[in-house]
Amino acid sequence: MKAERVPRGQVAGKEKLQPYITTEVAEAARNAVVATTPYEGGYQSLSDLIEDAIREKLTRLERKFNEGEPFAQRPRKKIRTGRPPAR
């Protein structure tokens, strides 16, 4: 069985996600990756840190709002994208 080729600039089994976060949080995350890389259990990349943080938060949300079960699959295109509305 031949493995599928991954298009250049993509990672197998991963999806690019581009949320906007504050500069303060972004810098703190980058600092944490650099500081923890040399240690066992540290982070080797910003993507690893972000994915781990999202997984931890999802677990808490599932416990709080869905009796610990994964949330149901949403209908496609139901999440607002782009710039947030002006306030």
PDB file of N, CA and C in Angstrom:
ATOM      1  N   MET A   1       0.843  -1.172   0.000  1.00  0.00           N
ATOM      2  CA  MET A   1       0.000   0.000   0.000  1.00  0.00           C
ATOM      3  C   MET A   1       0.893   1.243   0.000  1.00  0.00           C
ATOM      4  N   LYS A   2       0.654   2.131  -0.928  1.00  0.00           N
ATOM      5  CA  LYS A   2       1.455   3.339  -1.064  1.00  0.00           C
ATOM      6  C   LYS A   2       0.840   4.473  -0.236  1.00  0.00           C
ATOM      7  N   ALA A   3       1.675   5.165   0.513  1.00  0.00           N
ATOM      8  CA  ALA A   3       1.207   6.280   1.332  1.00  0.00           C
ATOM      9  C   ALA A   3       0.821   7.451   0.438  1.00  0.00           C
ATOM     10  N   GLU A   4      -0.225   8.177   0.837  1.00  0.00           N
ATOM     11  CA  GLU A   4      -0.640   9.352   0.084  1.00  0.00           C
ATOM     12  C   GLU A   4       0.366  10.472   0.268  1.00  0.00           C
ATOM     13  N   ARG A   5       0.596  11.211  -0.788  1.00  0.00           N
ATOM     14  CA  ARG A   5       1.492  12.361  -0.710  1.00  0.00           C
ATOM     15  C   ARG A   5       0.781  13.512  -0.026  1.00  0.00           C
ATOM     16  N   VAL A   6       1.515  14.195   0.805  1.00  0.00           N
ATOM     17  CA  VAL A   6       0.982  15.370   1.484  1.00  0.00           C
ATOM     18  C   VAL A   6       1.426  16.593   0.698  1.00  0.00           C
ATOM     19  N   PRO A   7       0.476  17.469   0.327  1.00  0.00           N
ATOM     20  CA  PRO A   7       0.856  18.669  -0.416  1.00  0.00           C
ATOM     21  C   PRO A   7       1.893  19.494   0.338  1.00  0.00           C
ATOM     22  N   ARG A   8       2.761  20.130  -0.413  1.00  0.00           N
ATOM     23  CA  ARG A   8       3.795  20.974   0.182  1.00  0.00           C
ATOM     24  C   ARG A   8       3.162  22.025   1.090  1.00  0.00           C
ATOM     25  N   GLY A   9       3.758  22.227   2.259  1.00  0.00           N
ATOM     26  CA  GLY A   9       3.255  23.209   3.208  1.00  0.00           C
ATOM     27  C   GLY A   9       2.179  22.660   4.132  1.00  0.00           C
ATOM     28  N   GLN A  10       1.839  21.381   4.000  1.00  0.00           N
ATOM     29  CA  GLN A  10       0.842  20.765   4.874  1.00  0.00           C
ATOM     30  C   GLN A  10       1.479  19.639   5.667  1.00  0.00           C
ATOM     31  N   VAL A  11       0.838  19.226   6.724  1.00  0.00           N
ATOM     32  CA  VAL A  11       1.313  18.146   7.582  1.00  0.00           C
ATOM     33  C   VAL A  11       0.231  17.072   7.596  1.00  0.00           C
ATOM     34  N   ALA A  12       0.630  15.825   7.404  1.00  0.00           N
ATOM     35  CA  ALA A  12      -0.339  14.728   7.371  1.00  0.00           C
ATOM     36  C   ALA A  12      -1.161  14.688   8.657  1.00  0.00           C
ATOM     37  N   GLY A  13      -2.471  14.566   8.508  1.00  0.00           N
ATOM     38  CA  GLY A  13      -3.352  14.453   9.657  1.00  0.00           C
ATOM     39  C   GLY A  13      -3.569  15.744  10.421  1.00  0.00           C
ATOM     40  N   LYS A  14      -3.108  16.855   9.879  1.00  0.00           N
ATOM     41  CA  LYS A  14      -3.241  18.140  10.581  1.00  0.00           C
ATOM     42  C   LYS A  14      -4.001  19.121   9.690  1.00  0.00           C
ATOM     43  N   GLU A  15      -4.651  20.075  10.318  1.00  0.00           N
ATOM     44  CA  GLU A  15      -5.374  21.122   9.608  1.00  0.00           C
ATOM     45  C   GLU A  15      -4.871  22.469  10.091  1.00  0.00           C
ATOM     46  N   LYS A  16      -4.630  23.367   9.184  1.00  0.00           N
ATOM     47  CA  LYS A  16      -4.176  24.701   9.562  1.00  0.00           C
ATOM     48  C   LYS A  16      -5.359  25.499  10.091  1.00  0.00           C
ATOM     49  N   LEU A  17      -5.159  26.119  11.249  1.00  0.00           N
ATOM     50  CA  LEU A  17      -6.179  26.917  11.907  1.00  0.00           C
ATOM     51  C   LEU A  17      -5.541  28.259  12.215  1.00  0.00           C
ATOM     52  N   GLN A  18      -6.209  29.340  11.864  1.00  0.00           N
ATOM     53  CA  GLN A  18      -5.601  30.650  12.040  1.00  0.00           C
ATOM     54  C   GLN A  18      -6.483  31.597  12.856  1.00  0.00           C
ATOM     55  N   PRO A  19      -6.596  31.354  14.157  1.00  0.00           N
ATOM     56  CA  PRO A  19      -7.382  32.267  14.991  1.00  0.00           C
ATOM     57  C   PRO A  19      -6.574  33.516  15.332  1.00  0.00           C
ATOM     58  N   TYR A  20      -7.278  34.566  15.699  1.00  0.00           N
ATOM     59  CA  TYR A  20      -6.618  35.770  16.186  1.00  0.00           C
ATOM     60  C   TYR A  20      -6.588  35.710  17.703  1.00  0.00           C
ATOM     61  N   ILE A  21      -5.411  35.952  18.272  1.00  0.00           N
ATOM     62  CA  ILE A  21      -5.254  36.026  19.719  1.00  0.00           C
ATOM     63  C   ILE A  21      -4.469  37.291  20.039  1.00  0.00           C
ATOM     64  N   THR A  22      -4.498  37.696  21.294  1.00  0.00           N
ATOM     65  CA  THR A  22      -3.781  38.919  21.654  1.00  0.00           C
ATOM     66  C   THR A  22      -2.273  38.709  21.516  1.00  0.00           C
ATOM     67  N   THR A  23      -1.583  39.793  21.256  1.00  0.00           N
ATOM     68  CA  THR A  23      -0.125  39.748  21.161  1.00  0.00           C
ATOM     69  C   THR A  23       0.477  39.243  22.462  1.00  0.00           C
ATOM     70  N   GLU A  24      -0.099  39.645  23.582  1.00  0.00           N
ATOM     71  CA  GLU A  24       0.394  39.221  24.896  1.00  0.00           C
ATOM     72  C   GLU A  24       0.352  37.695  25.045  1.00  0.00           C
ATOM     73  N   VAL A  25      -0.760  37.084  24.669  1.00  0.00           N
ATOM     74  CA  VAL A  25      -0.897  35.625  24.775  1.00  0.00           C
ATOM     75  C   VAL A  25       0.029  34.929  23.778  1.00  0.00           C
ATOM     76  N   ALA A  26       0.135  35.469  22.572  1.00  0.00           N
ATOM     77  CA  ALA A  26       1.015  34.877  21.561  1.00  0.00           C
ATOM     78  C   ALA A  26       2.470  34.886  22.027  1.00  0.00           C
ATOM     79  N   GLU A  27       2.916  36.000  22.576  1.00  0.00           N
ATOM     80  CA  GLU A  27       4.299  36.101  23.060  1.00  0.00           C
ATOM     81  C   GLU A  27       4.541  35.162  24.240  1.00  0.00           C
ATOM     82  N   ALA A  28       3.573  35.081  25.159  1.00  0.00           N
ATOM     83  CA  ALA A  28       3.714  34.184  26.304  1.00  0.00           C
ATOM     84  C   ALA A  28       3.807  32.730  25.843  1.00  0.00           C
ATOM     85  N   ALA A  29       3.019  32.367  24.836  1.00  0.00           N
ATOM     86  CA  ALA A  29       3.055  31.000  24.302  1.00  0.00           C
ATOM     87  C   ALA A  29       4.405  30.708  23.654  1.00  0.00           C
ATOM     88  N   ARG A  30       4.903  31.639  22.859  1.00  0.00           N
ATOM     89  CA  ARG A  30       6.224  31.452  22.232  1.00  0.00           C
ATOM     90  C   ARG A  30       7.311  31.313  23.296  1.00  0.00           C
ATOM     91  N   ASN A  31       7.244  32.151  24.318  1.00  0.00           N
ATOM     92  CA  ASN A  31       8.224  32.086  25.408  1.00  0.00           C
ATOM     93  C   ASN A  31       8.171  30.737  26.115  1.00  0.00           C
ATOM     94  N   ALA A  32       6.956  30.219  26.322  1.00  0.00           N
ATOM     95  CA  ALA A  32       6.798  28.926  26.990  1.00  0.00           C
ATOM     96  C   ALA A  32       7.408  27.796  26.160  1.00  0.00           C
ATOM     97  N   VAL A  33       7.232  27.848  24.854  1.00  0.00           N
ATOM     98  CA  VAL A  33       7.815  26.804  23.993  1.00  0.00           C
ATOM     99  C   VAL A  33       9.335  26.841  24.087  1.00  0.00           C
ATOM    100  N   VAL A  34       9.912  28.018  23.944  1.00  0.00           N
ATOM    101  CA  VAL A  34      11.372  28.132  24.001  1.00  0.00           C
ATOM    102  C   VAL A  34      11.904  27.691  25.370  1.00  0.00           C
ATOM    103  N   ALA A  35      11.204  28.071  26.434  1.00  0.00           N
ATOM    104  CA  ALA A  35      11.660  27.739  27.789  1.00  0.00           C
ATOM    105  C   ALA A  35      11.526  26.254  28.108  1.00  0.00           C
ATOM    106  N   THR A  36      10.525  25.584  27.538  1.00  0.00           N
ATOM    107  CA  THR A  36      10.280  24.183  27.903  1.00  0.00           C
ATOM    108  C   THR A  36      10.863  23.170  26.937  1.00  0.00           C
ATOM    109  N   THR A  37      11.308  23.605  25.771  1.00  0.00           N
ATOM    110  CA  THR A  37      11.841  22.676  24.766  1.00  0.00           C
ATOM    111  C   THR A  37      12.926  21.751  25.309  1.00  0.00           C
ATOM    112  N   PRO A  38      13.874  22.226  26.108  1.00  0.00           N
ATOM    113  CA  PRO A  38      14.952  21.333  26.550  1.00  0.00           C
ATOM    114  C   PRO A  38      14.518  20.249  27.548  1.00  0.00           C
ATOM    115  N   TYR A  39      13.319  20.366  28.104  1.00  0.00           N
ATOM    116  CA  TYR A  39      12.900  19.469  29.174  1.00  0.00           C
ATOM    117  C   TYR A  39      11.970  18.361  28.675  1.00  0.00           C
ATOM    118  N   GLU A  40      12.044  17.216  29.361  1.00  0.00           N
ATOM    119  CA  GLU A  40      11.100  16.143  29.058  1.00  0.00           C
ATOM    120  C   GLU A  40       9.704  16.642  29.412  1.00  0.00           C
ATOM    121  N   GLY A  41       8.766  16.443  28.513  1.00  0.00           N
ATOM    122  CA  GLY A  41       7.415  16.955  28.725  1.00  0.00           C
ATOM    123  C   GLY A  41       7.242  18.383  28.268  1.00  0.00           C
ATOM    124  N   GLY A  42       8.339  19.007  27.825  1.00  0.00           N
ATOM    125  CA  GLY A  42       8.262  20.365  27.297  1.00  0.00           C
ATOM    126  C   GLY A  42       7.708  20.343  25.887  1.00  0.00           C
ATOM    127  N   TYR A  43       7.503  21.503  25.343  1.00  0.00           N
ATOM    128  CA  TYR A  43       6.929  21.618  24.001  1.00  0.00           C
ATOM    129  C   TYR A  43       8.015  21.857  22.966  1.00  0.00           C
ATOM    130  N   GLN A  44       7.861  21.159  21.835  1.00  0.00           N
ATOM    131  CA  GLN A  44       8.813  21.278  20.744  1.00  0.00           C
ATOM    132  C   GLN A  44       8.358  22.297  19.705  1.00  0.00           C
ATOM    133  N   SER A  45       7.078  22.656  19.764  1.00  0.00           N
ATOM    134  CA  SER A  45       6.567  23.627  18.791  1.00  0.00           C
ATOM    135  C   SER A  45       5.365  24.366  19.370  1.00  0.00           C
ATOM    136  N   LEU A  46       5.096  25.507  18.793  1.00  0.00           N
ATOM    137  CA  LEU A  46       3.931  26.289  19.174  1.00  0.00           C
ATOM    138  C   LEU A  46       2.656  25.509  18.853  1.00  0.00           C
ATOM    139  N   SER A  47       2.656  24.795  17.738  1.00  0.00           N
ATOM    140  CA  SER A  47       1.485  23.986  17.373  1.00  0.00           C
ATOM    141  C   SER A  47       1.179  22.940  18.435  1.00  0.00           C
ATOM    142  N   ASP A  48       2.207  22.288  18.962  1.00  0.00           N
ATOM    143  CA  ASP A  48       2.001  21.277  20.010  1.00  0.00           C
ATOM    144  C   ASP A  48       1.387  21.902  21.265  1.00  0.00           C
ATOM    145  N   LEU A  49       1.890  23.061  21.666  1.00  0.00           N
ATOM    146  CA  LEU A  49       1.356  23.747  22.844  1.00  0.00           C
ATOM    147  C   LEU A  49      -0.105  24.134  22.630  1.00  0.00           C
ATOM    148  N   ILE A  50      -0.403  24.709  21.485  1.00  0.00           N
ATOM    149  CA  ILE A  50      -1.766  25.157  21.200  1.00  0.00           C
ATOM    150  C   ILE A  50      -2.728  23.975  21.140  1.00  0.00           C
ATOM    151  N   GLU A  51      -2.330  22.894  20.481  1.00  0.00           N
ATOM    152  CA  GLU A  51      -3.207  21.731  20.399  1.00  0.00           C
ATOM    153  C   GLU A  51      -3.467  21.145  21.782  1.00  0.00           C
ATOM    154  N   ASP A  52      -2.432  21.063  22.604  1.00  0.00           N
ATOM    155  CA  ASP A  52      -2.587  20.538  23.963  1.00  0.00           C
ATOM    156  C   ASP A  52      -3.517  21.434  24.791  1.00  0.00           C
ATOM    157  N   ALA A  53      -3.347  22.739  24.673  1.00  0.00           N
ATOM    158  CA  ALA A  53      -4.192  23.678  25.415  1.00  0.00           C
ATOM    159  C   ALA A  53      -5.653  23.569  24.975  1.00  0.00           C
ATOM    160  N   ILE A  54      -5.885  23.438  23.678  1.00  0.00           N
ATOM    161  CA  ILE A  54      -7.251  23.306  23.178  1.00  0.00           C
ATOM    162  C   ILE A  54      -7.872  22.000  23.667  1.00  0.00           C
ATOM    163  N   ARG A  55      -7.083  20.911  23.634  1.00  0.00           N
ATOM    164  CA  ARG A  55      -7.610  19.625  24.126  1.00  0.00           C
ATOM    165  C   ARG A  55      -8.006  19.721  25.605  1.00  0.00           C
ATOM    166  N   GLU A  56      -7.165  20.348  26.414  1.00  0.00           N
ATOM    167  CA  GLU A  56      -7.478  20.503  27.840  1.00  0.00           C
ATOM    168  C   GLU A  56      -8.754  21.322  28.035  1.00  0.00           C
ATOM    169  N   LYS A  57      -8.884  22.408  27.300  1.00  0.00           N
ATOM    170  CA  LYS A  57     -10.078  23.254  27.421  1.00  0.00           C
ATOM    171  C   LYS A  57     -11.312  22.506  26.932  1.00  0.00           C
ATOM    172  N   LEU A  58     -11.204  21.756  25.841  1.00  0.00           N
ATOM    173  CA  LEU A  58     -12.342  20.987  25.348  1.00  0.00           C
ATOM    174  C   LEU A  58     -12.821  19.973  26.379  1.00  0.00           C
ATOM    175  N   THR A  59     -11.884  19.317  27.041  1.00  0.00           N
ATOM    176  CA  THR A  59     -12.250  18.352  28.078  1.00  0.00           C
ATOM    177  C   THR A  59     -13.060  19.039  29.171  1.00  0.00           C
ATOM    178  N   ARG A  60     -12.633  20.234  29.598  1.00  0.00           N
ATOM    179  CA  ARG A  60     -13.353  20.976  30.634  1.00  0.00           C
ATOM    180  C   ARG A  60     -14.740  21.406  30.148  1.00  0.00           C
ATOM    181  N   LEU A  61     -14.820  21.866  28.902  1.00  0.00           N
ATOM    182  CA  LEU A  61     -16.116  22.279  28.355  1.00  0.00           C
ATOM    183  C   LEU A  61     -17.071  21.094  28.230  1.00  0.00           C
ATOM    184  N   GLU A  62     -16.555  19.954  27.803  1.00  0.00           N
ATOM    185  CA  GLU A  62     -17.396  18.752  27.686  1.00  0.00           C
ATOM    186  C   GLU A  62     -17.928  18.325  29.055  1.00  0.00           C
ATOM    187  N   ARG A  63     -17.081  18.392  30.069  1.00  0.00           N
ATOM    188  CA  ARG A  63     -17.532  18.055  31.428  1.00  0.00           C
ATOM    189  C   ARG A  63     -18.607  19.026  31.910  1.00  0.00           C
ATOM    190  N   LYS A  64     -18.381  20.294  31.676  1.00  0.00           N
ATOM    191  CA  LYS A  64     -19.282  21.328  32.177  1.00  0.00           C
ATOM    192  C   LYS A  64     -20.612  21.381  31.426  1.00  0.00           C
ATOM    193  N   PHE A  65     -20.560  21.248  30.109  1.00  0.00           N
ATOM    194  CA  PHE A  65     -21.752  21.484  29.307  1.00  0.00           C
ATOM    195  C   PHE A  65     -22.346  20.247  28.632  1.00  0.00           C
ATOM    196  N   ASN A  66     -21.635  19.103  28.663  1.00  0.00           N
ATOM    197  CA  ASN A  66     -22.114  17.955  27.891  1.00  0.00           C
ATOM    198  C   ASN A  66     -21.897  16.627  28.609  1.00  0.00           C
ATOM    199  N   GLU A  67     -21.961  16.649  29.938  1.00  0.00           N
ATOM    200  CA  GLU A  67     -21.833  15.436  30.740  1.00  0.00           C
ATOM    201  C   GLU A  67     -20.578  14.623  30.412  1.00  0.00           C
ATOM    202  N   GLY A  68     -19.510  15.323  30.039  1.00  0.00           N
ATOM    203  CA  GLY A  68     -18.231  14.675  29.764  1.00  0.00           C
ATOM    204  C   GLY A  68     -18.122  14.016  28.407  1.00  0.00           C
ATOM    205  N   GLU A  69     -19.166  14.142  27.602  1.00  0.00           N
ATOM    206  CA  GLU A  69     -19.173  13.528  26.268  1.00  0.00           C
ATOM    207  C   GLU A  69     -18.705  14.529  25.221  1.00  0.00           C
ATOM    208  N   PRO A  70     -18.119  14.034  24.110  1.00  0.00           N
ATOM    209  CA  PRO A  70     -17.756  14.948  23.024  1.00  0.00           C
ATOM    210  C   PRO A  70     -18.997  15.668  22.497  1.00  0.00           C
ATOM    211  N   PHE A  71     -18.834  16.895  22.069  1.00  0.00           N
ATOM    212  CA  PHE A  71     -19.943  17.643  21.483  1.00  0.00           C
ATOM    213  C   PHE A  71     -20.342  17.015  20.152  1.00  0.00           C
ATOM    214  N   ALA A  72     -21.611  17.156  19.801  1.00  0.00           N
ATOM    215  CA  ALA A  72     -22.120  16.624  18.540  1.00  0.00           C
ATOM    216  C   ALA A  72     -21.454  17.328  17.358  1.00  0.00           C
ATOM    217  N   GLN A  73     -21.354  16.611  16.258  1.00  0.00           N
ATOM    218  CA  GLN A  73     -20.811  17.208  15.028  1.00  0.00           C
ATOM    219  C   GLN A  73     -21.718  18.359  14.603  1.00  0.00           C
ATOM    220  N   ARG A  74     -21.142  19.491  14.372  1.00  0.00           N
ATOM    221  CA  ARG A  74     -21.914  20.661  13.974  1.00  0.00           C
ATOM    222  C   ARG A  74     -22.228  20.603  12.487  1.00  0.00           C
ATOM    223  N   PRO A  75     -23.304  21.302  12.062  1.00  0.00           N
ATOM    224  CA  PRO A  75     -23.543  21.440  10.623  1.00  0.00           C
ATOM    225  C   PRO A  75     -22.404  22.254  10.013  1.00  0.00           C
ATOM    226  N   ARG A  76     -21.998  21.930   8.831  1.00  0.00           N
ATOM    227  CA  ARG A  76     -20.904  22.654   8.172  1.00  0.00           C
ATOM    228  C   ARG A  76     -21.212  24.136   8.014  1.00  0.00           C
ATOM    229  N   LYS A  77     -20.187  24.941   8.095  1.00  0.00           N
ATOM    230  CA  LYS A  77     -20.245  26.387   7.860  1.00  0.00           C
ATOM    231  C   LYS A  77     -21.120  27.123   8.860  1.00  0.00           C
ATOM    232  N   LYS A  78     -21.211  26.640  10.073  1.00  0.00           N
ATOM    233  CA  LYS A  78     -22.018  27.311  11.086  1.00  0.00           C
ATOM    234  C   LYS A  78     -21.193  28.172  12.034  1.00  0.00           C
ATOM    235  N   ILE A  79     -19.882  28.221  11.848  1.00  0.00           N
ATOM    236  CA  ILE A  79     -19.036  29.054  12.706  1.00  0.00           C
ATOM    237  C   ILE A  79     -18.692  30.318  11.927  1.00  0.00           C
ATOM    238  N   ARG A  80     -18.918  31.453  12.544  1.00  0.00           N
ATOM    239  CA  ARG A  80     -18.612  32.725  11.900  1.00  0.00           C
ATOM    240  C   ARG A  80     -17.101  32.826  11.707  1.00  0.00           C
ATOM    241  N   THR A  81     -16.676  33.226  10.540  1.00  0.00           N
ATOM    242  CA  THR A  81     -15.258  33.396  10.255  1.00  0.00           C
ATOM    243  C   THR A  81     -14.993  34.837   9.842  1.00  0.00           C
ATOM    244  N   GLY A  82     -13.728  35.164   9.732  1.00  0.00           N
ATOM    245  CA  GLY A  82     -13.361  36.513   9.325  1.00  0.00           C
ATOM    246  C   GLY A  82     -13.256  37.450  10.502  1.00  0.00           C
ATOM    247  N   ARG A  83     -13.251  38.709  10.189  1.00  0.00           N
ATOM    248  CA  ARG A  83     -13.123  39.732  11.227  1.00  0.00           C
ATOM    249  C   ARG A  83     -14.358  39.749  12.120  1.00  0.00           C
ATOM    250  N   PRO A  84     -14.144  39.981  13.422  1.00  0.00           N
ATOM    251  CA  PRO A  84     -15.309  40.101  14.314  1.00  0.00           C
ATOM    252  C   PRO A  84     -16.100  41.353  13.973  1.00  0.00           C
ATOM    253  N   PRO A  85     -17.400  41.345  14.252  1.00  0.00           N
ATOM    254  CA  PRO A  85     -18.202  42.542  13.957  1.00  0.00           C
ATOM    255  C   PRO A  85     -17.739  43.731  14.795  1.00  0.00           C
ATOM    256  N   ALA A  86     -17.857  44.916  14.235  1.00  0.00           N
ATOM    257  CA  ALA A  86     -17.475  46.141  14.959  1.00  0.00           C
ATOM    258  C   ALA A  86     -18.388  46.328  16.160  1.00  0.00           C
ATOM    259  N   ARG A  87     -17.835  46.854  17.225  1.00  0.00           N
ATOM    260  CA  ARG A  87     -18.624  47.071  18.450  1.00  0.00           C
ATOM    261  C   ARG A  87     -18.963  48.516  18.616  1.00  0.00           C
TER     262      ARG A  87
END
